[in-house]
Structure formats: structure tokens, C-alpha cells
Amino acid sequence: FVSRHDELVYSSLRFRPFRFIRKSRLEEELPESLD
């Protein structure tokens, strides 16, 4: 999930996402997700 709505991270858990990436922190969080 890639979202501007940080508050949705908990709602997303029911889908067992591989990662939740904040659009506001994209360049910081994307590298670990790609690894």
C-alpha cells in the first residue's frame, strides 16, 4: 500500500500487506521495501 493517509495503516492490516509506504516518506521507506 502506498498512501498519503498515514492513519489507514491499521485498517490495512486486515489485508496482510507486504508493506505500507507513506507517500510523504516515499524515498526513505521504498528502499527497504524493495530489498
Full PDB file with SEQRES, HELIX, SHEET, SSBOND, CRYST1, ORIGX, SCALE, CONECT and MASTER records, all heavy atoms in Angstrom:
SEQRES   1 A   35  PHE VAL SER ARG HIS ASP GLU LEU VAL TYR SER SER LEU          
SEQRES   2 A   35  ARG PHE ARG PRO PHE ARG PHE ILE ARG LYS SER ARG LEU          
SEQRES   3 A   35  GLU GLU GLU LEU PRO GLU SER LEU ASP                          
HELIX    1 AA1 ASP A    6  LEU A    8  5                                   3    
HELIX    2 AA2 VAL A    9  SER A   12  1                                   4    
HELIX    3 AA3 LEU A   13  PHE A   15  5                                   3    
HELIX    4 AA4 LYS A   23  ARG A   25  5                                   3    
HELIX    5 AA5 LEU A   26  LEU A   34  1                                   9    
SHEET    1 AA1 2 VAL A   2  SER A   3  0                                        
SHEET    2 AA1 2 ILE A  21  ARG A  22  1                                        
CRYST1    1.000    1.000    1.000  90.00  90.00  90.00 P 1           1          
ORIGX1      1.000000  0.000000  0.000000        0.00000                         
ORIGX2      0.000000  1.000000  0.000000        0.00000                         
ORIGX3      0.000000  0.000000  1.000000        0.00000                         
SCALE1      1.000000  0.000000  0.000000        0.00000                         
SCALE2      0.000000  1.000000  0.000000        0.00000                         
SCALE3      0.000000  0.000000  1.000000        0.00000                         
ATOM      1  N   PHE A   1       0.848  -1.183   0.000  1.00  0.00           N  
ATOM      2  CA  PHE A   1       0.000   0.000   0.000  1.00  0.00           C  
ATOM      3  C   PHE A   1       0.892   1.245   0.000  1.00  0.00           C  
ATOM      4  O   PHE A   1       1.874   1.322   0.748  1.00  0.00           O  
ATOM      5  CB  PHE A   1      -0.900   0.027   1.226  1.00  0.00           C  
ATOM      6  CG  PHE A   1      -2.062  -0.926   1.159  1.00  0.00           C  
ATOM      7  CD1 PHE A   1      -2.236  -1.901   2.126  1.00  0.00           C  
ATOM      8  CD2 PHE A   1      -2.999  -0.835   0.135  1.00  0.00           C  
ATOM      9  CE1 PHE A   1      -3.316  -2.777   2.079  1.00  0.00           C  
ATOM     10  CE2 PHE A   1      -4.085  -1.709   0.071  1.00  0.00           C  
ATOM     11  CZ  PHE A   1      -4.231  -2.681   1.048  1.00  0.00           C  
ATOM     12  N   VAL A   2       0.537   2.204  -0.845  1.00  0.00           N  
ATOM     13  CA  VAL A   2       1.256   3.479  -0.905  1.00  0.00           C  
ATOM     14  C   VAL A   2       0.203   4.568  -0.749  1.00  0.00           C  
ATOM     15  O   VAL A   2      -0.648   4.754  -1.621  1.00  0.00           O  
ATOM     16  CB  VAL A   2       2.012   3.639  -2.246  1.00  0.00           C  
ATOM     17  CG1 VAL A   2       2.896   4.880  -2.210  1.00  0.00           C  
ATOM     18  CG2 VAL A   2       2.850   2.404  -2.553  1.00  0.00           C  
ATOM     19  N   SER A   3       0.252   5.289   0.386  1.00  0.00           N  
ATOM     20  CA  SER A   3      -0.864   6.192   0.690  1.00  0.00           C  
ATOM     21  C   SER A   3      -0.399   7.480   1.362  1.00  0.00           C  
ATOM     22  O   SER A   3       0.611   7.499   2.061  1.00  0.00           O  
ATOM     23  CB  SER A   3      -1.863   5.470   1.600  1.00  0.00           C  
ATOM     24  OG  SER A   3      -2.949   6.317   1.924  1.00  0.00           O  
ATOM     25  N   ARG A   4      -1.195   8.532   1.145  1.00  0.00           N  
ATOM     26  CA  ARG A   4      -0.981   9.791   1.865  1.00  0.00           C  
ATOM     27  C   ARG A   4      -1.669   9.761   3.226  1.00  0.00           C  
ATOM     28  O   ARG A   4      -1.443  10.626   4.063  1.00  0.00           O  
ATOM     29  CB  ARG A   4      -1.528  10.973   1.053  1.00  0.00           C  
ATOM     30  CG  ARG A   4      -0.862  11.175  -0.288  1.00  0.00           C  
ATOM     31  CD  ARG A   4      -1.280  12.482  -0.940  1.00  0.00           C  
ATOM     32  NE  ARG A   4      -0.796  12.552  -2.303  1.00  0.00           N  
ATOM     33  CZ  ARG A   4       0.462  12.862  -2.647  1.00  0.00           C  
ATOM     34  NH1 ARG A   4       1.327  13.136  -1.695  1.00  0.00           N  
ATOM     35  NH2 ARG A   4       0.819  12.899  -3.917  1.00  0.00           N  
ATOM     36  N   HIS A   5      -2.513   8.763   3.424  1.00  0.00           N  
ATOM     37  CA  HIS A   5      -3.293   8.684   4.656  1.00  0.00           C  
ATOM     38  C   HIS A   5      -2.615   7.744   5.649  1.00  0.00           C  
ATOM     39  O   HIS A   5      -2.924   6.552   5.713  1.00  0.00           O  
ATOM     40  CB  HIS A   5      -4.720   8.220   4.345  1.00  0.00           C  
ATOM     41  CG  HIS A   5      -5.458   9.160   3.437  1.00  0.00           C  
ATOM     42  ND1 HIS A   5      -6.054  10.319   3.891  1.00  0.00           N  
ATOM     43  CD2 HIS A   5      -5.662   9.120   2.095  1.00  0.00           C  
ATOM     44  CE1 HIS A   5      -6.621  10.946   2.874  1.00  0.00           C  
ATOM     45  NE2 HIS A   5      -6.397  10.238   1.768  1.00  0.00           N  
ATOM     46  N   ASP A   6      -1.693   8.310   6.434  1.00  0.00           N  
ATOM     47  CA  ASP A   6      -0.936   7.501   7.385  1.00  0.00           C  
ATOM     48  C   ASP A   6      -1.845   6.788   8.374  1.00  0.00           C  
ATOM     49  O   ASP A   6      -1.530   5.691   8.849  1.00  0.00           O  
ATOM     50  CB  ASP A   6       0.050   8.382   8.167  1.00  0.00           C  
ATOM     51  CG  ASP A   6       1.053   9.088   7.265  1.00  0.00           C  
ATOM     52  OD1 ASP A   6       0.962   8.917   6.031  1.00  0.00           O  
ATOM     53  OD2 ASP A   6       1.926   9.800   7.798  1.00  0.00           O  
ATOM     54  N   GLU A   7      -2.989   7.401   8.664  1.00  0.00           N  
ATOM     55  CA  GLU A   7      -3.886   6.835   9.675  1.00  0.00           C  
ATOM     56  C   GLU A   7      -4.541   5.531   9.213  1.00  0.00           C  
ATOM     57  O   GLU A   7      -5.127   4.799  10.012  1.00  0.00           O  
ATOM     58  CB  GLU A   7      -4.973   7.852  10.045  1.00  0.00           C  
ATOM     59  CG  GLU A   7      -6.053   8.078   8.985  1.00  0.00           C  
ATOM     60  CD  GLU A   7      -5.656   9.051   7.875  1.00  0.00           C  
ATOM     61  OE1 GLU A   7      -4.482   9.498   7.869  1.00  0.00           O  
ATOM     62  OE2 GLU A   7      -6.521   9.365   7.030  1.00  0.00           O  
ATOM     63  N   LEU A   8      -4.409   5.202   7.931  1.00  0.00           N  
ATOM     64  CA  LEU A   8      -5.030   3.983   7.413  1.00  0.00           C  
ATOM     65  C   LEU A   8      -4.163   2.740   7.595  1.00  0.00           C  
ATOM     66  O   LEU A   8      -4.583   1.640   7.227  1.00  0.00           O  
ATOM     67  CB  LEU A   8      -5.369   4.155   5.928  1.00  0.00           C  
ATOM     68  CG  LEU A   8      -6.460   5.179   5.591  1.00  0.00           C  
ATOM     69  CD1 LEU A   8      -6.650   5.276   4.082  1.00  0.00           C  
ATOM     70  CD2 LEU A   8      -7.775   4.798   6.258  1.00  0.00           C  
ATOM     71  N   VAL A   9      -2.981   2.922   8.146  1.00  0.00           N  
ATOM     72  CA  VAL A   9      -2.076   1.783   8.290  1.00  0.00           C  
ATOM     73  C   VAL A   9      -2.719   0.658   9.093  1.00  0.00           C  
ATOM     74  O   VAL A   9      -2.577  -0.524   8.760  1.00  0.00           O  
ATOM     75  CB  VAL A   9      -0.727   2.222   8.906  1.00  0.00           C  
ATOM     76  CG1 VAL A   9      -0.910   2.793  10.295  1.00  0.00           C  
ATOM     77  CG2 VAL A   9       0.250   1.043   8.930  1.00  0.00           C  
ATOM     78  N   TYR A  10      -3.450   1.001  10.162  1.00  0.00           N  
ATOM     79  CA  TYR A  10      -4.057  -0.033  10.998  1.00  0.00           C  
ATOM     80  C   TYR A  10      -5.223  -0.709  10.277  1.00  0.00           C  
ATOM     81  O   TYR A  10      -5.416  -1.924  10.385  1.00  0.00           O  
ATOM     82  CB  TYR A  10      -4.505   0.557  12.331  1.00  0.00           C  
ATOM     83  CG  TYR A  10      -3.346   1.101  13.135  1.00  0.00           C  
ATOM     84  CD1 TYR A  10      -3.149   2.467  13.295  1.00  0.00           C  
ATOM     85  CD2 TYR A  10      -2.414   0.230  13.709  1.00  0.00           C  
ATOM     86  CE1 TYR A  10      -2.071   2.961  14.003  1.00  0.00           C  
ATOM     87  CE2 TYR A  10      -1.331   0.716  14.429  1.00  0.00           C  
ATOM     88  CZ  TYR A  10      -1.165   2.082  14.572  1.00  0.00           C  
ATOM     89  OH  TYR A  10      -0.090   2.567  15.267  1.00  0.00           O  
ATOM     90  N   SER A  11      -5.986   0.061   9.525  1.00  0.00           N  
ATOM     91  CA  SER A  11      -7.091  -0.520   8.760  1.00  0.00           C  
ATOM     92  C   SER A  11      -6.574  -1.465   7.673  1.00  0.00           C  
ATOM     93  O   SER A  11      -7.255  -2.430   7.301  1.00  0.00           O  
ATOM     94  CB  SER A  11      -7.924   0.587   8.104  1.00  0.00           C  
ATOM     95  OG  SER A  11      -8.481   1.441   9.083  1.00  0.00           O  
ATOM     96  N   SER A  12      -5.365  -1.196   7.182  1.00  0.00           N  
ATOM     97  CA  SER A  12      -4.817  -2.011   6.097  1.00  0.00           C  
ATOM     98  C   SER A  12      -4.365  -3.396   6.572  1.00  0.00           C  
ATOM     99  O   SER A  12      -4.217  -4.309   5.757  1.00  0.00           O  
ATOM    100  CB  SER A  12      -3.620  -1.294   5.453  1.00  0.00           C  
ATOM    101  OG  SER A  12      -2.464  -1.350   6.289  1.00  0.00           O  
ATOM    102  N   LEU A  13      -4.166  -3.553   7.873  1.00  0.00           N  
ATOM    103  CA  LEU A  13      -3.592  -4.795   8.379  1.00  0.00           C  
ATOM    104  C   LEU A  13      -4.464  -6.016   8.104  1.00  0.00           C  
ATOM    105  O   LEU A  13      -3.955  -7.131   8.018  1.00  0.00           O  
ATOM    106  CB  LEU A  13      -3.316  -4.673   9.889  1.00  0.00           C  
ATOM    107  CG  LEU A  13      -2.254  -3.646  10.293  1.00  0.00           C  
ATOM    108  CD1 LEU A  13      -2.095  -3.631  11.808  1.00  0.00           C  
ATOM    109  CD2 LEU A  13      -0.917  -3.954   9.619  1.00  0.00           C  
ATOM    110  N   ARG A  14      -5.765  -5.809   7.960  1.00  0.00           N  
ATOM    111  CA  ARG A  14      -6.640  -6.967   7.724  1.00  0.00           C  
ATOM    112  C   ARG A  14      -6.366  -7.609   6.363  1.00  0.00           C  
ATOM    113  O   ARG A  14      -6.762  -8.762   6.119  1.00  0.00           O  
ATOM    114  CB  ARG A  14      -8.104  -6.565   7.838  1.00  0.00           C  
ATOM    115  CG  ARG A  14      -8.640  -5.651   6.743  1.00  0.00           C  
ATOM    116  CD  ARG A  14     -10.105  -5.323   7.020  1.00  0.00           C  
ATOM    117  NE  ARG A  14     -10.763  -4.563   5.986  1.00  0.00           N  
ATOM    118  CZ  ARG A  14     -10.765  -3.241   5.903  1.00  0.00           C  
ATOM    119  NH1 ARG A  14     -10.115  -2.533   6.826  1.00  0.00           N  
ATOM    120  NH2 ARG A  14     -11.403  -2.621   4.922  1.00  0.00           N  
ATOM    121  N   PHE A  15      -5.676  -6.889   5.482  1.00  0.00           N  
ATOM    122  CA  PHE A  15      -5.326  -7.440   4.173  1.00  0.00           C  
ATOM    123  C   PHE A  15      -3.923  -8.052   4.168  1.00  0.00           C  
ATOM    124  O   PHE A  15      -3.458  -8.496   3.128  1.00  0.00           O  
ATOM    125  CB  PHE A  15      -5.414  -6.344   3.102  1.00  0.00           C  
ATOM    126  CG  PHE A  15      -6.794  -5.763   2.953  1.00  0.00           C  
ATOM    127  CD1 PHE A  15      -7.102  -4.524   3.488  1.00  0.00           C  
ATOM    128  CD2 PHE A  15      -7.793  -6.482   2.304  1.00  0.00           C  
ATOM    129  CE1 PHE A  15      -8.378  -3.995   3.370  1.00  0.00           C  
ATOM    130  CE2 PHE A  15      -9.070  -5.955   2.175  1.00  0.00           C  
ATOM    131  CZ  PHE A  15      -9.368  -4.713   2.708  1.00  0.00           C  
ATOM    132  N   ARG A  16      -3.263  -8.029   5.332  1.00  0.00           N  
ATOM    133  CA  ARG A  16      -1.912  -8.577   5.473  1.00  0.00           C  
ATOM    134  C   ARG A  16      -0.970  -8.051   4.390  1.00  0.00           C  
ATOM    135  O   ARG A  16      -0.373  -8.821   3.619  1.00  0.00           O  
ATOM    136  CB  ARG A  16      -1.944 -10.112   5.441  1.00  0.00           C  
ATOM    137  CG  ARG A  16      -2.768 -10.716   6.569  1.00  0.00           C  
ATOM    138  CD  ARG A  16      -2.876 -12.218   6.445  1.00  0.00           C  
ATOM    139  NE  ARG A  16      -1.584 -12.859   6.579  1.00  0.00           N  
ATOM    140  CZ  ARG A  16      -1.012 -13.192   7.729  1.00  0.00           C  
ATOM    141  NH1 ARG A  16      -1.643 -12.923   8.861  1.00  0.00           N  
ATOM    142  NH2 ARG A  16       0.153 -13.781   7.767  1.00  0.00           N  
ATOM    143  N   PRO A  17      -0.832  -6.723   4.296  1.00  0.00           N  
ATOM    144  CA  PRO A  17       0.015  -6.163   3.237  1.00  0.00           C  
ATOM    145  C   PRO A  17       1.488  -6.516   3.439  1.00  0.00           C  
ATOM    146  O   PRO A  17       1.947  -6.697   4.573  1.00  0.00           O  
ATOM    147  CB  PRO A  17      -0.208  -4.652   3.379  1.00  0.00           C  
ATOM    148  CG  PRO A  17      -0.541  -4.459   4.824  1.00  0.00           C  
ATOM    149  CD  PRO A  17      -1.365  -5.672   5.188  1.00  0.00           C  
ATOM    150  N   PHE A  18       2.199  -6.595   2.354  1.00  0.00           N  
ATOM    151  CA  PHE A  18       3.639  -6.832   2.407  1.00  0.00           C  
ATOM    152  C   PHE A  18       4.334  -5.623   3.040  1.00  0.00           C  
ATOM    153  O   PHE A  18       5.256  -5.773   3.825  1.00  0.00           O  
ATOM    154  CB  PHE A  18       4.171  -7.087   0.995  1.00  0.00           C  
ATOM    155  CG  PHE A  18       5.606  -7.510   0.938  1.00  0.00           C  
ATOM    156  CD1 PHE A  18       5.961  -8.828   1.183  1.00  0.00           C  
ATOM    157  CD2 PHE A  18       6.604  -6.590   0.635  1.00  0.00           C  
ATOM    158  CE1 PHE A  18       7.291  -9.224   1.132  1.00  0.00           C  
ATOM    159  CE2 PHE A  18       7.928  -6.976   0.586  1.00  0.00           C  
ATOM    160  CZ  PHE A  18       8.277  -8.299   0.841  1.00  0.00           C  
ATOM    161  N   ARG A  19       3.873  -4.437   2.678  1.00  0.00           N  
ATOM    162  CA  ARG A  19       4.379  -3.201   3.256  1.00  0.00           C  
ATOM    163  C   ARG A  19       3.304  -2.113   3.179  1.00  0.00           C  
ATOM    164  O   ARG A  19       2.396  -2.183   2.336  1.00  0.00           O  
ATOM    165  CB  ARG A  19       5.645  -2.680   2.533  1.00  0.00           C  
ATOM    166  CG  ARG A  19       6.908  -3.501   2.754  1.00  0.00           C  
ATOM    167  CD  ARG A  19       7.395  -3.432   4.181  1.00  0.00           C  
ATOM    168  NE  ARG A  19       8.672  -4.089   4.351  1.00  0.00           N  
ATOM    169  CZ  ARG A  19       8.846  -5.389   4.553  1.00  0.00           C  
ATOM    170  NH1 ARG A  19       7.784  -6.184   4.573  1.00  0.00           N  
ATOM    171  NH2 ARG A  19      10.046  -5.896   4.737  1.00  0.00           N  
ATOM    172  N   PHE A  20       3.429  -1.113   4.046  1.00  0.00           N  
ATOM    173  CA  PHE A  20       2.639   0.109   3.973  1.00  0.00           C  
ATOM    174  C   PHE A  20       3.642   1.254   3.860  1.00  0.00           C  
ATOM    175  O   PHE A  20       4.433   1.487   4.785  1.00  0.00           O  
ATOM    176  CB  PHE A  20       1.768   0.277   5.222  1.00  0.00           C  
ATOM    177  CG  PHE A  20       0.798   1.439   5.141  1.00  0.00           C  
ATOM    178  CD1 PHE A  20      -0.541   1.226   4.875  1.00  0.00           C  
ATOM    179  CD2 PHE A  20       1.235   2.748   5.336  1.00  0.00           C  
ATOM    180  CE1 PHE A  20      -1.442   2.292   4.801  1.00  0.00           C  
ATOM    181  CE2 PHE A  20       0.354   3.815   5.267  1.00  0.00           C  
ATOM    182  CZ  PHE A  20      -0.993   3.580   4.990  1.00  0.00           C  
ATOM    183  N   ILE A  21       3.620   1.943   2.729  1.00  0.00           N  
ATOM    184  CA  ILE A  21       4.586   3.012   2.462  1.00  0.00           C  
ATOM    185  C   ILE A  21       3.859   4.347   2.462  1.00  0.00           C  
ATOM    186  O   ILE A  21       2.847   4.515   1.766  1.00  0.00           O  
ATOM    187  CB  ILE A  21       5.281   2.796   1.101  1.00  0.00           C  
ATOM    188  CG1 ILE A  21       5.986   1.426   1.064  1.00  0.00           C  
ATOM    189  CG2 ILE A  21       6.281   3.913   0.816  1.00  0.00           C  
ATOM    190  CD1 ILE A  21       6.497   1.042  -0.311  1.00  0.00           C  
ATOM    191  N   ARG A  22       4.385   5.267   3.237  1.00  0.00           N  
ATOM    192  CA  ARG A  22       3.787   6.599   3.275  1.00  0.00           C  
ATOM    193  C   ARG A  22       4.293   7.432   2.094  1.00  0.00           C  
ATOM    194  O   ARG A  22       5.500   7.524   1.882  1.00  0.00           O  
ATOM    195  CB  ARG A  22       4.119   7.289   4.601  1.00  0.00           C  
ATOM    196  CG  ARG A  22       3.494   6.604   5.815  1.00  0.00           C  
ATOM    197  CD  ARG A  22       4.021   7.156   7.107  1.00  0.00           C  
ATOM    198  NE  ARG A  22       5.414   6.767   7.319  1.00  0.00           N  
ATOM    199  CZ  ARG A  22       6.142   7.122   8.380  1.00  0.00           C  
ATOM    200  NH1 ARG A  22       5.602   7.889   9.314  1.00  0.00           N  
ATOM    201  NH2 ARG A  22       7.383   6.713   8.493  1.00  0.00           N  
ATOM    202  N   LYS A  23       3.387   8.039   1.368  1.00  0.00           N  
ATOM    203  CA  LYS A  23       3.815   8.855   0.231  1.00  0.00           C  
ATOM    204  C   LYS A  23       4.703  10.015   0.677  1.00  0.00           C  
ATOM    205  O   LYS A  23       5.619  10.412  -0.048  1.00  0.00           O  
ATOM    206  CB  LYS A  23       2.598   9.395  -0.526  1.00  0.00           C  
ATOM    207  CG  LYS A  23       1.867   8.331  -1.334  1.00  0.00           C  
ATOM    208  CD  LYS A  23       0.769   8.955  -2.200  1.00  0.00           C  
ATOM    209  CE  LYS A  23       0.115   7.899  -3.078  1.00  0.00           C  
ATOM    210  NZ  LYS A  23      -0.925   8.467  -3.978  1.00  0.00           N  
ATOM    211  N   SER A  24       4.452  10.508   1.865  1.00  0.00           N  
ATOM    212  CA  SER A  24       5.252  11.624   2.375  1.00  0.00           C  
ATOM    213  C   SER A  24       6.678  11.194   2.719  1.00  0.00           C  
ATOM    214  O   SER A  24       7.558  12.045   2.881  1.00  0.00           O  
ATOM    215  CB  SER A  24       4.586  12.215   3.624  1.00  0.00           C  
ATOM    216  OG  SER A  24       4.470  11.229   4.644  1.00  0.00           O  
ATOM    217  N   ARG A  25       6.907   9.869   2.850  1.00  0.00           N  
ATOM    218  CA  ARG A  25       8.241   9.357   3.189  1.00  0.00           C  
ATOM    219  C   ARG A  25       8.702   8.344   2.142  1.00  0.00           C  
ATOM    220  O   ARG A  25       9.466   7.432   2.445  1.00  0.00           O  
ATOM    221  CB  ARG A  25       8.199   8.684   4.571  1.00  0.00           C  
ATOM    222  CG  ARG A  25       7.627   9.551   5.688  1.00  0.00           C  
ATOM    223  CD  ARG A  25       8.551  10.685   6.078  1.00  0.00           C  
ATOM    224  NE  ARG A  25       9.729  10.172   6.755  1.00  0.00           N  
ATOM    225  CZ  ARG A  25       9.798   9.905   8.062  1.00  0.00           C  
ATOM    226  NH1 ARG A  25       8.712  10.054   8.825  1.00  0.00           N  
ATOM    227  NH2 ARG A  25      10.913   9.486   8.604  1.00  0.00           N  
ATOM    228  N   LEU A  26       8.241   8.518   0.919  1.00  0.00           N  
ATOM    229  CA  LEU A  26       8.456   7.532  -0.131  1.00  0.00           C  
ATOM    230  C   LEU A  26       9.931   7.182  -0.325  1.00  0.00           C  
ATOM    231  O   LEU A  26      10.317   6.009  -0.333  1.00  0.00           O  
ATOM    232  CB  LEU A  26       7.864   8.030  -1.456  1.00  0.00           C  
ATOM    233  CG  LEU A  26       8.074   7.109  -2.672  1.00  0.00           C  
ATOM    234  CD1 LEU A  26       7.321   5.801  -2.482  1.00  0.00           C  
ATOM    235  CD2 LEU A  26       7.634   7.808  -3.953  1.00  0.00           C  
ATOM    236  N   GLU A  27      10.761   8.197  -0.495  1.00  0.00           N  
ATOM    237  CA  GLU A  27      12.168   7.936  -0.807  1.00  0.00           C  
ATOM    238  C   GLU A  27      12.920   7.350   0.381  1.00  0.00           C  
ATOM    239  O   GLU A  27      13.978   6.743   0.195  1.00  0.00           O  
ATOM    240  CB  GLU A  27      12.836   9.213  -1.322  1.00  0.00           C  
ATOM    241  CG  GLU A  27      12.228   9.681  -2.643  1.00  0.00           C  
ATOM    242  CD  GLU A  27      12.980  10.851  -3.248  1.00  0.00           C  
ATOM    243  OE1 GLU A  27      14.132  11.078  -2.866  1.00  0.00           O  
ATOM    244  OE2 GLU A  27      12.397  11.536  -4.116  1.00  0.00           O  
ATOM    245  N   GLU A  28      12.390   7.515   1.585  1.00  0.00           N  
ATOM    246  CA  GLU A  28      13.018   6.924   2.768  1.00  0.00           C  
ATOM    247  C   GLU A  28      12.588   5.477   2.954  1.00  0.00           C  
ATOM    248  O   GLU A  28      13.391   4.619   3.347  1.00  0.00           O  
ATOM    249  CB  GLU A  28      12.653   7.721   4.028  1.00  0.00           C  
ATOM    250  CG  GLU A  28      13.133   9.162   4.027  1.00  0.00           C  
ATOM    251  CD  GLU A  28      12.565   9.926   5.202  1.00  0.00           C  
ATOM    252  OE1 GLU A  28      12.636   9.405   6.332  1.00  0.00           O  
ATOM    253  OE2 GLU A  28      12.024  11.035   4.999  1.00  0.00           O  
ATOM    254  N   GLU A  29      11.317   5.175   2.707  1.00  0.00           N  
ATOM    255  CA  GLU A  29      10.764   3.863   3.021  1.00  0.00           C  
ATOM    256  C   GLU A  29      10.794   2.868   1.864  1.00  0.00           C  
ATOM    257  O   GLU A  29      10.761   1.647   2.087  1.00  0.00           O  
ATOM    258  CB  GLU A  29       9.334   4.022   3.535  1.00  0.00           C  
ATOM    259  CG  GLU A  29       9.255   4.817   4.827  1.00  0.00           C  
ATOM    260  CD  GLU A  29       7.843   5.040   5.323  1.00  0.00           C  
ATOM    261  OE1 GLU A  29       6.891   4.656   4.619  1.00  0.00           O  
ATOM    262  OE2 GLU A  29       7.683   5.615   6.422  1.00  0.00           O  
ATOM    263  N   LEU A  30      10.874   3.371   0.637  1.00  0.00           N  
ATOM    264  CA  LEU A  30      10.848   2.474  -0.518  1.00  0.00           C  
ATOM    265  C   LEU A  30      12.062   1.538  -0.594  1.00  0.00           C  
ATOM    266  O   LEU A  30      11.882   0.354  -0.905  1.00  0.00           O  
ATOM    267  CB  LEU A  30      10.720   3.289  -1.809  1.00  0.00           C  
ATOM    268  CG  LEU A  30      10.594   2.470  -3.095  1.00  0.00           C  
ATOM    269  CD1 LEU A  30       9.337   1.607  -3.073  1.00  0.00           C  
ATOM    270  CD2 LEU A  30      10.581   3.402  -4.320  1.00  0.00           C  
ATOM    271  N   PRO A  31      13.290   2.012  -0.345  1.00  0.00           N  
ATOM    272  CA  PRO A  31      14.447   1.102  -0.488  1.00  0.00           C  
ATOM    273  C   PRO A  31      14.338  -0.173   0.340  1.00  0.00           C  
ATOM    274  O   PRO A  31      14.627  -1.267  -0.160  1.00  0.00           O  
ATOM    275  CB  PRO A  31      15.630   1.969  -0.035  1.00  0.00           C  
ATOM    276  CG  PRO A  31      15.204   3.363  -0.360  1.00  0.00           C  
ATOM    277  CD  PRO A  31      13.733   3.393  -0.055  1.00  0.00           C  
ATOM    278  N   GLU A  32      13.934  -0.067   1.598  1.00  0.00           N  
ATOM    279  CA  GLU A  32      13.804  -1.270   2.435  1.00  0.00           C  
ATOM    280  C   GLU A  32      12.734  -2.195   1.873  1.00  0.00           C  
ATOM    281  O   GLU A  32      12.889  -3.432   1.890  1.00  0.00           O  
ATOM    282  CB  GLU A  32      13.456  -0.869   3.873  1.00  0.00           C  
ATOM    283  CG  GLU A  32      13.441  -2.042   4.860  1.00  0.00           C  
ATOM    284  CD  GLU A  32      12.141  -2.830   4.836  1.00  0.00           C  
ATOM    285  OE1 GLU A  32      11.078  -2.226   4.532  1.00  0.00           O  
ATOM    286  OE2 GLU A  32      12.181  -4.043   5.113  1.00  0.00           O  
ATOM    287  N   SER A  33      11.645  -1.617   1.379  1.00  0.00           N  
ATOM    288  CA  SER A  33      10.577  -2.423   0.803  1.00  0.00           C  
ATOM    289  C   SER A  33      11.066  -3.173  -0.436  1.00  0.00           C  
ATOM    290  O   SER A  33      10.724  -4.340  -0.647  1.00  0.00           O  
ATOM    291  CB  SER A  33       9.384  -1.537   0.426  1.00  0.00           C  
ATOM    292  OG  SER A  33       8.843  -0.901   1.570  1.00  0.00           O  
ATOM    293  N   LEU A  34      11.879  -2.522  -1.257  1.00  0.00           N  
ATOM    294  CA  LEU A  34      12.422  -3.176  -2.453  1.00  0.00           C  
ATOM    295  C   LEU A  34      13.422  -4.262  -2.080  1.00  0.00           C  
ATOM    296  O   LEU A  34      13.476  -5.315  -2.739  1.00  0.00           O  
ATOM    297  CB  LEU A  34      13.073  -2.141  -3.368  1.00  0.00           C  
ATOM    298  CG  LEU A  34      12.130  -1.109  -3.991  1.00  0.00           C  
ATOM    299  CD1 LEU A  34      12.900  -0.139  -4.874  1.00  0.00           C  
ATOM    300  CD2 LEU A  34      11.026  -1.795  -4.800  1.00  0.00           C  
ATOM    301  N   ASP A  35      14.217  -4.026  -1.032  1.00  0.00           N  
ATOM    302  CA  ASP A  35      15.131  -5.069  -0.552  1.00  0.00           C  
ATOM    303  C   ASP A  35      14.345  -6.324  -0.184  1.00  0.00           C  
ATOM    304  O   ASP A  35      14.687  -7.433  -0.596  1.00  0.00           O  
ATOM    305  CB  ASP A  35      15.908  -4.582   0.676  1.00  0.00           C  
ATOM    306  CG  ASP A  35      17.043  -3.646   0.328  1.00  0.00           C  
ATOM    307  OD1 ASP A  35      17.488  -3.667  -0.845  1.00  0.00           O  
ATOM    308  OD2 ASP A  35      17.482  -2.891   1.210  1.00  0.00           O  
TER     309      ASP A  35                                                      
MASTER        0    0    0    5    2    0    0    6  308    1    0    3          
END                                                                             
